């Protein structure tokens, strides 16, 4: 069960890492789309959401403080989805359909992030499982002192 979980979490985290980087590489284009959706300060918001995705995606990908990473993704999806993909406000049928698809996709991703937030730590094959040299020395020192 560890292998499917590890592969799945790496794919999930990688998806957000990639899209977060994309927000920084294509800030101008994405900000224009956000402005069309009446997002205040679209340049700033695109960078902020990009940062949330990079932090969340990296955290889940590496298994490093994954509950915080899942929280970043949950916050991103919960706030951005209704604003950017509010299909209920679209009058054009094609735009309504496209936004409905994106909203449903984000809802599924939100469910995945919520599920990951409930997984006990440390995760298999995560950076947080590896003990640093300082942690090993500290543990050994306590054993010596306790003897």
C-alpha atoms as a PDB file:
ATOM      1  CA  UNK A   1       0.000   0.000   0.000  1.00  0.00           C
ATOM      2  CA  UNK A   2       2.980   2.321   0.476  1.00  0.00           C
ATOM      3  CA  UNK A   3       3.968   2.353  -3.194  1.00  0.00           C
ATOM      4  CA  UNK A   4       0.585   3.444  -4.629  1.00  0.00           C
ATOM      5  CA  UNK A   5       0.269   6.113  -1.911  1.00  0.00           C
ATOM      6  CA  UNK A   6       3.776   7.433  -2.598  1.00  0.00           C
ATOM      7  CA  UNK A   7       3.276   7.531  -6.367  1.00  0.00           C
ATOM      8  CA  UNK A   8      -0.161   9.139  -5.993  1.00  0.00           C
ATOM      9  CA  UNK A   9       1.016  11.809  -3.584  1.00  0.00           C
ATOM     10  CA  UNK A  10       3.987  12.610  -5.837  1.00  0.00           C
ATOM     11  CA  UNK A  11       1.674  13.007  -8.822  1.00  0.00           C
ATOM     12  CA  UNK A  12      -0.734  15.143  -6.776  1.00  0.00           C
ATOM     13  CA  UNK A  13       2.035  17.324  -5.357  1.00  0.00           C
ATOM     14  CA  UNK A  14       3.766  17.539  -8.736  1.00  0.00           C
ATOM     15  CA  UNK A  15       0.543  18.791 -10.328  1.00  0.00           C
ATOM     16  CA  UNK A  16       0.389  21.745  -7.937  1.00  0.00           C
ATOM     17  CA  UNK A  17       4.134  22.406  -8.078  1.00  0.00           C
ATOM     18  CA  UNK A  18       4.020  22.559 -11.883  1.00  0.00           C
ATOM     19  CA  UNK A  19       0.969  24.818 -11.962  1.00  0.00           C
ATOM     20  CA  UNK A  20       2.392  27.067  -9.258  1.00  0.00           C
ATOM     21  CA  UNK A  21       5.579  27.556 -11.280  1.00  0.00           C
ATOM     22  CA  UNK A  22       3.379  28.241 -14.307  1.00  0.00           C
ATOM     23  CA  UNK A  23       1.743  31.098 -12.359  1.00  0.00           C
ATOM     24  CA  UNK A  24       5.165  32.750 -12.023  1.00  0.00           C
ATOM     25  CA  UNK A  25       6.279  32.082 -15.609  1.00  0.00           C
ATOM     26  CA  UNK A  26       2.985  33.271 -17.149  1.00  0.00           C
ATOM     27  CA  UNK A  27       1.970  35.899 -14.559  1.00  0.00           C
ATOM     28  CA  UNK A  28       0.972  38.505 -17.127  1.00  0.00           C
ATOM     29  CA  UNK A  29      -1.315  36.200 -19.113  1.00  0.00           C
ATOM     30  CA  UNK A  30      -2.934  34.634 -16.056  1.00  0.00           C
ATOM     31  CA  UNK A  31      -3.382  38.066 -14.441  1.00  0.00           C
ATOM     32  CA  UNK A  32      -5.254  39.251 -17.551  1.00  0.00           C
ATOM     33  CA  UNK A  33      -7.645  36.315 -17.196  1.00  0.00           C
ATOM     34  CA  UNK A  34      -8.016  37.012 -13.458  1.00  0.00           C
ATOM     35  CA  UNK A  35      -8.733  40.685 -14.199  1.00  0.00           C
ATOM     36  CA  UNK A  36     -11.476  39.614 -16.607  1.00  0.00           C
ATOM     37  CA  UNK A  37     -12.997  37.684 -13.670  1.00  0.00           C
ATOM     38  CA  UNK A  38     -12.846  40.916 -11.593  1.00  0.00           C
ATOM     39  CA  UNK A  39     -10.130  39.676  -9.223  1.00  0.00           C
ATOM     40  CA  UNK A  40      -8.691  42.616  -7.259  1.00  0.00           C
ATOM     41  CA  UNK A  41      -4.940  43.217  -7.759  1.00  0.00           C
ATOM     42  CA  UNK A  42      -4.673  40.352 -10.261  1.00  0.00           C
ATOM     43  CA  UNK A  43      -0.849  40.445 -10.578  1.00  0.00           C
ATOM     44  CA  UNK A  44      -0.436  40.122  -6.824  1.00  0.00           C
ATOM     45  CA  UNK A  45      -3.124  37.464  -6.544  1.00  0.00           C
ATOM     46  CA  UNK A  46      -1.600  35.352  -9.328  1.00  0.00           C
ATOM     47  CA  UNK A  47       1.758  35.416  -7.541  1.00  0.00           C
ATOM     48  CA  UNK A  48       0.148  34.657  -4.170  1.00  0.00           C
ATOM     49  CA  UNK A  49      -1.794  31.697  -5.540  1.00  0.00           C
ATOM     50  CA  UNK A  50       1.328  30.537  -7.367  1.00  0.00           C
ATOM     51  CA  UNK A  51       3.222  30.599  -4.074  1.00  0.00           C
ATOM     52  CA  UNK A  52       0.469  28.631  -2.324  1.00  0.00           C
ATOM     53  CA  UNK A  53       0.594  25.977  -5.046  1.00  0.00           C
ATOM     54  CA  UNK A  54       4.413  25.770  -5.052  1.00  0.00           C
ATOM     55  CA  UNK A  55       4.574  25.491  -1.257  1.00  0.00           C
ATOM     56  CA  UNK A  56       1.684  23.033  -1.043  1.00  0.00           C
ATOM     57  CA  UNK A  57       2.801  20.938  -3.988  1.00  0.00           C
ATOM     58  CA  UNK A  58       6.417  20.734  -2.831  1.00  0.00           C
ATOM     59  CA  UNK A  59       5.355  19.821   0.697  1.00  0.00           C
ATOM     60  CA  UNK A  60       3.146  16.965  -0.486  1.00  0.00           C
ATOM     61  CA  UNK A  61       5.615  15.816  -3.140  1.00  0.00           C
ATOM     62  CA  UNK A  62       8.430  15.523  -0.585  1.00  0.00           C
ATOM     63  CA  UNK A  63       6.255  14.544   2.379  1.00  0.00           C
ATOM     64  CA  UNK A  64       7.755  17.459   4.329  1.00  0.00           C
ATOM     65  CA  UNK A  65       5.157  18.922   6.730  1.00  0.00           C
ATOM     66  CA  UNK A  66       2.414  17.567   4.442  1.00  0.00           C
ATOM     67  CA  UNK A  67      -0.483  18.746   6.606  1.00  0.00           C
ATOM     68  CA  UNK A  68       0.677  22.340   6.076  1.00  0.00           C
ATOM     69  CA  UNK A  69       1.069  21.651   2.360  1.00  0.00           C
ATOM     70  CA  UNK A  70      -2.416  20.179   2.166  1.00  0.00           C
ATOM     71  CA  UNK A  71      -3.680  23.235   4.056  1.00  0.00           C
ATOM     72  CA  UNK A  72      -2.105  25.555   1.477  1.00  0.00           C
ATOM     73  CA  UNK A  73      -3.774  23.631  -1.343  1.00  0.00           C
ATOM     74  CA  UNK A  74      -7.111  23.490   0.490  1.00  0.00           C
ATOM     75  CA  UNK A  75      -6.989  27.252   1.045  1.00  0.00           C
ATOM     76  CA  UNK A  76      -6.071  27.860  -2.578  1.00  0.00           C
ATOM     77  CA  UNK A  77      -8.816  25.653  -4.029  1.00  0.00           C
ATOM     78  CA  UNK A  78     -11.530  26.756  -1.601  1.00  0.00           C
ATOM     79  CA  UNK A  79     -10.931  30.436  -2.300  1.00  0.00           C
ATOM     80  CA  UNK A  80     -10.084  30.413  -5.996  1.00  0.00           C
ATOM     81  CA  UNK A  81     -12.621  27.908  -7.361  1.00  0.00           C
ATOM     82  CA  UNK A  82     -15.821  29.903  -6.739  1.00  0.00           C
ATOM     83  CA  UNK A  83     -14.166  33.145  -7.851  1.00  0.00           C
ATOM     84  CA  UNK A  84     -12.521  31.953 -11.054  1.00  0.00           C
ATOM     85  CA  UNK A  85     -14.938  29.201 -12.047  1.00  0.00           C
ATOM     86  CA  UNK A  86     -18.328  30.516 -10.895  1.00  0.00           C
ATOM     87  CA  UNK A  87     -20.291  28.781 -13.648  1.00  0.00           C
ATOM     88  CA  UNK A  88     -23.596  29.878 -12.084  1.00  0.00           C
ATOM     89  CA  UNK A  89     -22.864  33.474 -13.153  1.00  0.00           C
ATOM     90  CA  UNK A  90     -21.930  32.696 -16.776  1.00  0.00           C
ATOM     91  CA  UNK A  91     -24.417  33.631 -19.457  1.00  0.00           C
ATOM     92  CA  UNK A  92     -22.529  32.136 -22.393  1.00  0.00           C
ATOM     93  CA  UNK A  93     -23.301  28.364 -22.581  1.00  0.00           C
ATOM     94  CA  UNK A  94     -19.747  27.446 -23.635  1.00  0.00           C
ATOM     95  CA  UNK A  95     -18.187  29.506 -20.844  1.00  0.00           C
ATOM     96  CA  UNK A  96     -20.679  28.029 -18.381  1.00  0.00           C
ATOM     97  CA  UNK A  97     -19.752  24.485 -19.459  1.00  0.00           C
ATOM     98  CA  UNK A  98     -15.997  25.183 -19.274  1.00  0.00           C
ATOM     99  CA  UNK A  99     -16.280  26.761 -15.820  1.00  0.00           C
ATOM    100  CA  UNK A 100     -18.470  23.904 -14.605  1.00  0.00           C
ATOM    101  CA  UNK A 101     -15.824  21.382 -15.688  1.00  0.00           C
ATOM    102  CA  UNK A 102     -13.026  23.367 -13.983  1.00  0.00           C
ATOM    103  CA  UNK A 103     -15.105  23.863 -10.833  1.00  0.00           C
ATOM    104  CA  UNK A 104     -15.874  20.121 -10.627  1.00  0.00           C
ATOM    105  CA  UNK A 105     -12.193  19.265 -11.209  1.00  0.00           C
ATOM    106  CA  UNK A 106     -11.166  21.640  -8.433  1.00  0.00           C
ATOM    107  CA  UNK A 107     -13.788  20.137  -6.145  1.00  0.00           C
ATOM    108  CA  UNK A 108     -12.275  16.687  -6.732  1.00  0.00           C
ATOM    109  CA  UNK A 109      -8.768  18.053  -6.099  1.00  0.00           C
ATOM    110  CA  UNK A 110     -10.065  19.674  -2.907  1.00  0.00           C
ATOM    111  CA  UNK A 111     -11.368  16.277  -1.809  1.00  0.00           C
ATOM    112  CA  UNK A 112      -7.941  14.765  -2.468  1.00  0.00           C
ATOM    113  CA  UNK A 113      -6.222  17.495  -0.452  1.00  0.00           C
ATOM    114  CA  UNK A 114      -8.666  16.985   2.419  1.00  0.00           C
ATOM    115  CA  UNK A 115      -7.990  13.238   2.352  1.00  0.00           C
ATOM    116  CA  UNK A 116      -4.216  13.810   2.427  1.00  0.00           C
ATOM    117  CA  UNK A 117      -4.605  16.208   5.349  1.00  0.00           C
ATOM    118  CA  UNK A 118      -6.024  13.289   7.341  1.00  0.00           C
ATOM    119  CA  UNK A 119      -3.138  10.889   6.691  1.00  0.00           C
ATOM    120  CA  UNK A 120      -0.938  10.259   9.726  1.00  0.00           C
ATOM    121  CA  UNK A 121       2.662  11.416   9.561  1.00  0.00           C
ATOM    122  CA  UNK A 122       5.384  10.597   8.808  1.00  0.00           C
ATOM    123  CA  UNK A 123       4.505   9.538   5.293  1.00  0.00           C
ATOM    124  CA  UNK A 124       6.353   6.701   3.532  1.00  0.00           C
ATOM    125  CA  UNK A 125       9.360   7.819   1.467  1.00  0.00           C
ATOM    126  CA  UNK A 126       9.251  11.359   2.838  1.00  0.00           C
ATOM    127  CA  UNK A 127      12.044  13.701   3.808  1.00  0.00           C
ATOM    128  CA  UNK A 128      10.607  14.053   7.285  1.00  0.00           C
ATOM    129  CA  UNK A 129      11.341  10.337   7.938  1.00  0.00           C
ATOM    130  CA  UNK A 130      15.088  10.787   7.617  1.00  0.00           C
ATOM    131  CA  UNK A 131      16.844  11.664  10.860  1.00  0.00           C
ATOM    132  CA  UNK A 132      19.512  14.296  10.660  1.00  0.00           C
ATOM    133  CA  UNK A 133      22.967  13.708  12.037  1.00  0.00           C
ATOM    134  CA  UNK A 134      22.231  16.169  14.864  1.00  0.00           C
ATOM    135  CA  UNK A 135      19.089  14.219  15.844  1.00  0.00           C
ATOM    136  CA  UNK A 136      21.069  10.962  15.938  1.00  0.00           C
ATOM    137  CA  UNK A 137      23.812  12.529  18.076  1.00  0.00           C
ATOM    138  CA  UNK A 138      21.253  14.000  20.464  1.00  0.00           C
ATOM    139  CA  UNK A 139      19.527  10.637  20.870  1.00  0.00           C
ATOM    140  CA  UNK A 140      22.849   8.877  21.443  1.00  0.00           C
ATOM    141  CA  UNK A 141      23.951  11.520  23.944  1.00  0.00           C
ATOM    142  CA  UNK A 142      20.771  11.047  25.969  1.00  0.00           C
ATOM    143  CA  UNK A 143      21.336   7.276  26.028  1.00  0.00           C
ATOM    144  CA  UNK A 144      24.899   7.755  27.290  1.00  0.00           C
ATOM    145  CA  UNK A 145      23.799  10.255  29.954  1.00  0.00           C
ATOM    146  CA  UNK A 146      20.928   8.027  31.085  1.00  0.00           C
ATOM    147  CA  UNK A 147      23.221   5.026  31.563  1.00  0.00           C
END
